[in-house]
């Protein structure tokens, strides 16, 4: 999930003074219980507002960077959804990323996160996700930088992918829409 920008040094200092780091560790421990075959990293020194799924050889990793992890507009629900989305890149089936075919595309990852991912996390760790709250928190972050016209991704001209624009993505997640399944329908990169 790619956002933009970085947190200011003051925002980072303020977040570190709160109990935020211990909350993040609790969330990550729940993810490690639920998805033991994945590696979860917290990179607080990187103030970029981003999270990433990456597969190198046999190691599947989800990294949460400090700018996103410490962002003052995001709470436990949105951070949980973001992590589920990144796990979905590794575990979802269906349409693949044009950048790395070993990873699911954005909409397949979102769909998995809102269904199978949420259920697995709850079953194996006891952590629940309030999707509406998560999307409201993310909307506060996304709306100012992702206008409803013009999208925030490059896509194939005839794309059926609802992950191309935040307002479409938010609606699909609330409705638990199925992601497109045909090859070549999804965005090419974020």
C-alpha atoms as a PDB file:
ATOM      1  CA  UNK A   1       0.000   0.000   0.000  1.00  0.00           C
ATOM      2  CA  UNK A   2       1.684   3.147  -1.170  1.00  0.00           C
ATOM      3  CA  UNK A   3       0.934   6.553   0.215  1.00  0.00           C
ATOM      4  CA  UNK A   4       3.180   9.528  -0.238  1.00  0.00           C
ATOM      5  CA  UNK A   5       5.389  11.780   1.751  1.00  0.00           C
ATOM      6  CA  UNK A   6       7.010  11.392   5.120  1.00  0.00           C
ATOM      7  CA  UNK A   7       6.160  12.274   8.676  1.00  0.00           C
ATOM      8  CA  UNK A   8       7.864  15.347  10.051  1.00  0.00           C
ATOM      9  CA  UNK A   9      10.501  14.905  12.729  1.00  0.00           C
ATOM     10  CA  UNK A  10       8.145  16.514  15.253  1.00  0.00           C
ATOM     11  CA  UNK A  11       5.355  14.028  14.422  1.00  0.00           C
ATOM     12  CA  UNK A  12       7.793  11.140  14.813  1.00  0.00           C
ATOM     13  CA  UNK A  13       9.014  12.429  18.200  1.00  0.00           C
ATOM     14  CA  UNK A  14       5.436  12.921  19.431  1.00  0.00           C
ATOM     15  CA  UNK A  15       4.389   9.428  18.330  1.00  0.00           C
ATOM     16  CA  UNK A  16       7.419   7.861  19.982  1.00  0.00           C
ATOM     17  CA  UNK A  17       6.580   9.647  23.259  1.00  0.00           C
ATOM     18  CA  UNK A  18       3.188   7.983  23.339  1.00  0.00           C
ATOM     19  CA  UNK A  19       2.556   4.288  23.841  1.00  0.00           C
ATOM     20  CA  UNK A  20       2.474   3.784  20.053  1.00  0.00           C
ATOM     21  CA  UNK A  21       5.488   1.486  19.768  1.00  0.00           C
ATOM     22  CA  UNK A  22       4.107  -1.008  22.295  1.00  0.00           C
ATOM     23  CA  UNK A  23       0.728  -0.975  20.478  1.00  0.00           C
ATOM     24  CA  UNK A  24       2.537  -1.707  17.221  1.00  0.00           C
ATOM     25  CA  UNK A  25       4.441  -4.608  18.787  1.00  0.00           C
ATOM     26  CA  UNK A  26       1.176  -6.112  20.099  1.00  0.00           C
ATOM     27  CA  UNK A  27      -0.399  -5.856  16.645  1.00  0.00           C
ATOM     28  CA  UNK A  28       2.666  -7.413  15.001  1.00  0.00           C
ATOM     29  CA  UNK A  29       2.737 -10.236  17.574  1.00  0.00           C
ATOM     30  CA  UNK A  30      -0.871 -11.039  16.647  1.00  0.00           C
ATOM     31  CA  UNK A  31       0.132 -11.159  12.974  1.00  0.00           C
ATOM     32  CA  UNK A  32       3.065 -13.422  13.743  1.00  0.00           C
ATOM     33  CA  UNK A  33       0.684 -15.814  15.533  1.00  0.00           C
ATOM     34  CA  UNK A  34      -1.833 -15.771  12.700  1.00  0.00           C
ATOM     35  CA  UNK A  35       0.645 -15.965   9.814  1.00  0.00           C
ATOM     36  CA  UNK A  36       3.735 -17.791  11.136  1.00  0.00           C
ATOM     37  CA  UNK A  37       5.210 -18.438   7.682  1.00  0.00           C
ATOM     38  CA  UNK A  38       5.664 -14.722   7.053  1.00  0.00           C
ATOM     39  CA  UNK A  39       8.245 -12.338   8.485  1.00  0.00           C
ATOM     40  CA  UNK A  40       6.973  -9.025   9.894  1.00  0.00           C
ATOM     41  CA  UNK A  41       9.316  -6.063  10.220  1.00  0.00           C
ATOM     42  CA  UNK A  42       8.804  -2.683  11.826  1.00  0.00           C
ATOM     43  CA  UNK A  43      11.172  -0.021  10.469  1.00  0.00           C
ATOM     44  CA  UNK A  44      10.496   3.010  12.660  1.00  0.00           C
ATOM     45  CA  UNK A  45      13.606   4.890  11.531  1.00  0.00           C
ATOM     46  CA  UNK A  46      12.231   5.203   7.987  1.00  0.00           C
ATOM     47  CA  UNK A  47       9.682   8.026   8.045  1.00  0.00           C
ATOM     48  CA  UNK A  48       8.203   7.164   4.656  1.00  0.00           C
ATOM     49  CA  UNK A  49       4.434   6.656   4.820  1.00  0.00           C
ATOM     50  CA  UNK A  50       4.343   3.143   3.387  1.00  0.00           C
ATOM     51  CA  UNK A  51       4.129  -0.587   3.974  1.00  0.00           C
ATOM     52  CA  UNK A  52       5.441  -3.273   1.660  1.00  0.00           C
ATOM     53  CA  UNK A  53       5.171  -6.949   0.826  1.00  0.00           C
ATOM     54  CA  UNK A  54       8.289  -8.459  -0.682  1.00  0.00           C
ATOM     55  CA  UNK A  55       9.381 -11.971  -1.539  1.00  0.00           C
ATOM     56  CA  UNK A  56      13.082 -12.721  -1.791  1.00  0.00           C
ATOM     57  CA  UNK A  57      13.944 -16.320  -2.542  1.00  0.00           C
ATOM     58  CA  UNK A  58      11.949 -18.321   0.040  1.00  0.00           C
ATOM     59  CA  UNK A  59      11.388 -15.458   2.491  1.00  0.00           C
ATOM     60  CA  UNK A  60       8.060 -13.604   2.410  1.00  0.00           C
ATOM     61  CA  UNK A  61       8.223 -10.341   4.323  1.00  0.00           C
ATOM     62  CA  UNK A  62       5.809  -7.593   5.305  1.00  0.00           C
ATOM     63  CA  UNK A  63       7.448  -4.329   6.326  1.00  0.00           C
ATOM     64  CA  UNK A  64       5.680  -1.461   8.065  1.00  0.00           C
ATOM     65  CA  UNK A  65       7.655   1.783   7.829  1.00  0.00           C
ATOM     66  CA  UNK A  66       7.745   4.418  10.549  1.00  0.00           C
ATOM     67  CA  UNK A  67       5.871   7.142   8.705  1.00  0.00           C
ATOM     68  CA  UNK A  68       2.842   4.888   8.419  1.00  0.00           C
ATOM     69  CA  UNK A  69       3.279   3.061  11.728  1.00  0.00           C
ATOM     70  CA  UNK A  70       3.524   6.325  13.681  1.00  0.00           C
ATOM     71  CA  UNK A  71       1.062   8.373  11.626  1.00  0.00           C
ATOM     72  CA  UNK A  72      -1.175  10.375  14.009  1.00  0.00           C
ATOM     73  CA  UNK A  73      -4.293   9.893  11.816  1.00  0.00           C
ATOM     74  CA  UNK A  74      -4.089   6.097  11.909  1.00  0.00           C
ATOM     75  CA  UNK A  75      -5.224   3.819  14.695  1.00  0.00           C
ATOM     76  CA  UNK A  76      -5.118   0.087  15.391  1.00  0.00           C
ATOM     77  CA  UNK A  77      -7.899  -0.730  12.908  1.00  0.00           C
ATOM     78  CA  UNK A  78      -6.309   0.989   9.915  1.00  0.00           C
ATOM     79  CA  UNK A  79      -2.878  -0.419  10.765  1.00  0.00           C
ATOM     80  CA  UNK A  80      -4.412  -3.880  11.049  1.00  0.00           C
ATOM     81  CA  UNK A  81      -6.075  -3.508   7.657  1.00  0.00           C
ATOM     82  CA  UNK A  82      -2.850  -2.227   6.070  1.00  0.00           C
ATOM     83  CA  UNK A  83      -0.948  -5.230   7.413  1.00  0.00           C
ATOM     84  CA  UNK A  84      -3.689  -7.612   6.237  1.00  0.00           C
ATOM     85  CA  UNK A  85      -3.516  -6.007   2.798  1.00  0.00           C
ATOM     86  CA  UNK A  86       0.245  -6.605   2.667  1.00  0.00           C
ATOM     87  CA  UNK A  87      -0.180 -10.207   3.866  1.00  0.00           C
ATOM     88  CA  UNK A  88      -2.768 -10.553   1.090  1.00  0.00           C
ATOM     89  CA  UNK A  89      -0.086  -9.823  -1.493  1.00  0.00           C
ATOM     90  CA  UNK A  90       1.578 -13.040  -0.300  1.00  0.00           C
ATOM     91  CA  UNK A  91      -1.481 -15.233   0.329  1.00  0.00           C
ATOM     92  CA  UNK A  92      -4.300 -14.123  -1.985  1.00  0.00           C
ATOM     93  CA  UNK A  93      -5.113 -16.004  -5.150  1.00  0.00           C
ATOM     94  CA  UNK A  94      -6.303 -14.501  -8.399  1.00  0.00           C
ATOM     95  CA  UNK A  95      -4.896 -11.602 -10.363  1.00  0.00           C
ATOM     96  CA  UNK A  96      -1.145 -11.099  -9.937  1.00  0.00           C
ATOM     97  CA  UNK A  97       1.041  -8.032  -9.712  1.00  0.00           C
ATOM     98  CA  UNK A  98       2.548  -6.953 -13.017  1.00  0.00           C
ATOM     99  CA  UNK A  99       5.670  -5.953 -11.098  1.00  0.00           C
ATOM    100  CA  UNK A 100       6.122  -9.321  -9.354  1.00  0.00           C
ATOM    101  CA  UNK A 101       3.909 -12.279 -10.373  1.00  0.00           C
ATOM    102  CA  UNK A 102       4.663 -14.037  -7.070  1.00  0.00           C
ATOM    103  CA  UNK A 103       2.508 -11.361  -5.360  1.00  0.00           C
ATOM    104  CA  UNK A 104      -1.224 -10.754  -5.690  1.00  0.00           C
ATOM    105  CA  UNK A 105      -2.389  -7.482  -7.233  1.00  0.00           C
ATOM    106  CA  UNK A 106      -3.893  -4.631  -5.202  1.00  0.00           C
ATOM    107  CA  UNK A 107      -7.566  -5.571  -5.540  1.00  0.00           C
ATOM    108  CA  UNK A 108      -6.964  -9.291  -4.901  1.00  0.00           C
ATOM    109  CA  UNK A 109      -4.944  -8.353  -1.814  1.00  0.00           C
ATOM    110  CA  UNK A 110      -7.710  -6.026  -0.585  1.00  0.00           C
ATOM    111  CA  UNK A 111     -10.383  -8.663  -1.168  1.00  0.00           C
ATOM    112  CA  UNK A 112      -8.374 -11.304   0.710  1.00  0.00           C
ATOM    113  CA  UNK A 113      -7.704  -8.885   3.589  1.00  0.00           C
ATOM    114  CA  UNK A 114     -11.416  -8.060   3.991  1.00  0.00           C
ATOM    115  CA  UNK A 115     -12.485 -11.716   3.993  1.00  0.00           C
ATOM    116  CA  UNK A 116     -10.100 -14.635   4.571  1.00  0.00           C
ATOM    117  CA  UNK A 117      -7.407 -12.460   6.143  1.00  0.00           C
ATOM    118  CA  UNK A 118      -9.735 -10.905   8.732  1.00  0.00           C
ATOM    119  CA  UNK A 119     -11.147 -14.328   9.583  1.00  0.00           C
ATOM    120  CA  UNK A 120      -7.719 -15.965   9.961  1.00  0.00           C
ATOM    121  CA  UNK A 121      -6.410 -13.121  12.115  1.00  0.00           C
ATOM    122  CA  UNK A 122      -9.425 -13.331  14.424  1.00  0.00           C
ATOM    123  CA  UNK A 123      -9.338 -17.117  14.643  1.00  0.00           C
ATOM    124  CA  UNK A 124      -5.614 -17.464  15.306  1.00  0.00           C
ATOM    125  CA  UNK A 125      -4.850 -14.365  17.373  1.00  0.00           C
ATOM    126  CA  UNK A 126      -8.163 -13.041  18.661  1.00  0.00           C
ATOM    127  CA  UNK A 127      -7.562  -9.664  16.934  1.00  0.00           C
ATOM    128  CA  UNK A 128     -10.648  -8.327  15.225  1.00  0.00           C
ATOM    129  CA  UNK A 129     -10.864  -5.631  12.602  1.00  0.00           C
ATOM    130  CA  UNK A 130     -13.576  -2.993  12.401  1.00  0.00           C
ATOM    131  CA  UNK A 131     -13.436  -2.409   8.643  1.00  0.00           C
ATOM    132  CA  UNK A 132     -15.601   0.716   8.654  1.00  0.00           C
ATOM    133  CA  UNK A 133     -13.365   2.326  11.305  1.00  0.00           C
ATOM    134  CA  UNK A 134     -10.228   1.311   9.414  1.00  0.00           C
ATOM    135  CA  UNK A 135     -11.521   2.849   6.189  1.00  0.00           C
ATOM    136  CA  UNK A 136     -12.594   6.051   7.961  1.00  0.00           C
ATOM    137  CA  UNK A 137      -9.078   6.399   9.397  1.00  0.00           C
ATOM    138  CA  UNK A 138      -7.504   5.712   6.006  1.00  0.00           C
ATOM    139  CA  UNK A 139      -9.915   8.109   4.326  1.00  0.00           C
ATOM    140  CA  UNK A 140      -8.552  10.933   6.508  1.00  0.00           C
ATOM    141  CA  UNK A 141      -5.108  10.136   5.141  1.00  0.00           C
ATOM    142  CA  UNK A 142      -6.031   9.316   1.538  1.00  0.00           C
ATOM    143  CA  UNK A 143      -8.655  11.911   0.617  1.00  0.00           C
ATOM    144  CA  UNK A 144      -6.405  14.993   0.697  1.00  0.00           C
ATOM    145  CA  UNK A 145      -3.789  13.341  -1.534  1.00  0.00           C
ATOM    146  CA  UNK A 146      -5.981  11.085  -3.674  1.00  0.00           C
ATOM    147  CA  UNK A 147      -8.588  13.231  -5.424  1.00  0.00           C
ATOM    148  CA  UNK A 148     -11.597  11.368  -6.761  1.00  0.00           C
ATOM    149  CA  UNK A 149     -10.682  12.344 -10.306  1.00  0.00           C
ATOM    150  CA  UNK A 150      -7.331  11.298 -11.596  1.00  0.00           C
ATOM    151  CA  UNK A 151      -6.688   8.270  -9.378  1.00  0.00           C
ATOM    152  CA  UNK A 152      -3.419   7.443  -7.709  1.00  0.00           C
ATOM    153  CA  UNK A 153      -2.202   4.557  -9.827  1.00  0.00           C
ATOM    154  CA  UNK A 154      -1.259   3.755 -13.382  1.00  0.00           C
ATOM    155  CA  UNK A 155      -3.495   1.169 -14.900  1.00  0.00           C
ATOM    156  CA  UNK A 156      -4.256  -0.625 -18.104  1.00  0.00           C
ATOM    157  CA  UNK A 157      -6.673   1.497 -20.128  1.00  0.00           C
ATOM    158  CA  UNK A 158      -9.504  -1.043 -19.967  1.00  0.00           C
ATOM    159  CA  UNK A 159      -8.931  -1.967 -16.339  1.00  0.00           C
ATOM    160  CA  UNK A 160     -11.822  -3.316 -14.289  1.00  0.00           C
ATOM    161  CA  UNK A 161      -9.732  -2.976 -11.156  1.00  0.00           C
ATOM    162  CA  UNK A 162     -11.448  -1.018  -8.397  1.00  0.00           C
ATOM    163  CA  UNK A 163      -8.134  -0.404  -6.657  1.00  0.00           C
ATOM    164  CA  UNK A 164      -7.313   2.344  -9.159  1.00  0.00           C
ATOM    165  CA  UNK A 165      -9.034   5.105  -7.188  1.00  0.00           C
ATOM    166  CA  UNK A 166      -9.461   5.454  -3.428  1.00  0.00           C
ATOM    167  CA  UNK A 167     -13.219   6.145  -3.460  1.00  0.00           C
ATOM    168  CA  UNK A 168     -13.819   3.013  -5.577  1.00  0.00           C
ATOM    169  CA  UNK A 169     -11.512   0.969  -3.400  1.00  0.00           C
ATOM    170  CA  UNK A 170     -13.183   2.151  -0.181  1.00  0.00           C
ATOM    171  CA  UNK A 171     -16.643   1.309  -1.536  1.00  0.00           C
ATOM    172  CA  UNK A 172     -15.556  -2.141  -2.748  1.00  0.00           C
ATOM    173  CA  UNK A 173     -14.052  -2.929   0.652  1.00  0.00           C
ATOM    174  CA  UNK A 174     -17.198  -1.853   2.497  1.00  0.00           C
ATOM    175  CA  UNK A 175     -19.308  -3.980   0.162  1.00  0.00           C
ATOM    176  CA  UNK A 176     -16.773  -6.855   0.264  1.00  0.00           C
ATOM    177  CA  UNK A 177     -16.748  -6.900  -3.525  1.00  0.00           C
ATOM    178  CA  UNK A 178     -14.907  -9.673  -5.304  1.00  0.00           C
ATOM    179  CA  UNK A 179     -11.792  -8.583  -7.127  1.00  0.00           C
ATOM    180  CA  UNK A 180     -11.563  -9.056 -10.903  1.00  0.00           C
ATOM    181  CA  UNK A 181     -10.244 -12.468 -11.856  1.00  0.00           C
ATOM    182  CA  UNK A 182      -9.288 -12.064 -15.476  1.00  0.00           C
ATOM    183  CA  UNK A 183      -5.653 -11.616 -16.405  1.00  0.00           C
ATOM    184  CA  UNK A 184      -4.541  -8.118 -17.290  1.00  0.00           C
ATOM    185  CA  UNK A 185      -7.446  -6.339 -15.596  1.00  0.00           C
ATOM    186  CA  UNK A 186      -5.528  -4.945 -12.670  1.00  0.00           C
ATOM    187  CA  UNK A 187      -3.291  -1.978 -12.171  1.00  0.00           C
ATOM    188  CA  UNK A 188       0.264  -2.455 -13.316  1.00  0.00           C
ATOM    189  CA  UNK A 189       1.981  -0.859 -10.350  1.00  0.00           C
ATOM    190  CA  UNK A 190       1.453   1.433  -7.415  1.00  0.00           C
END
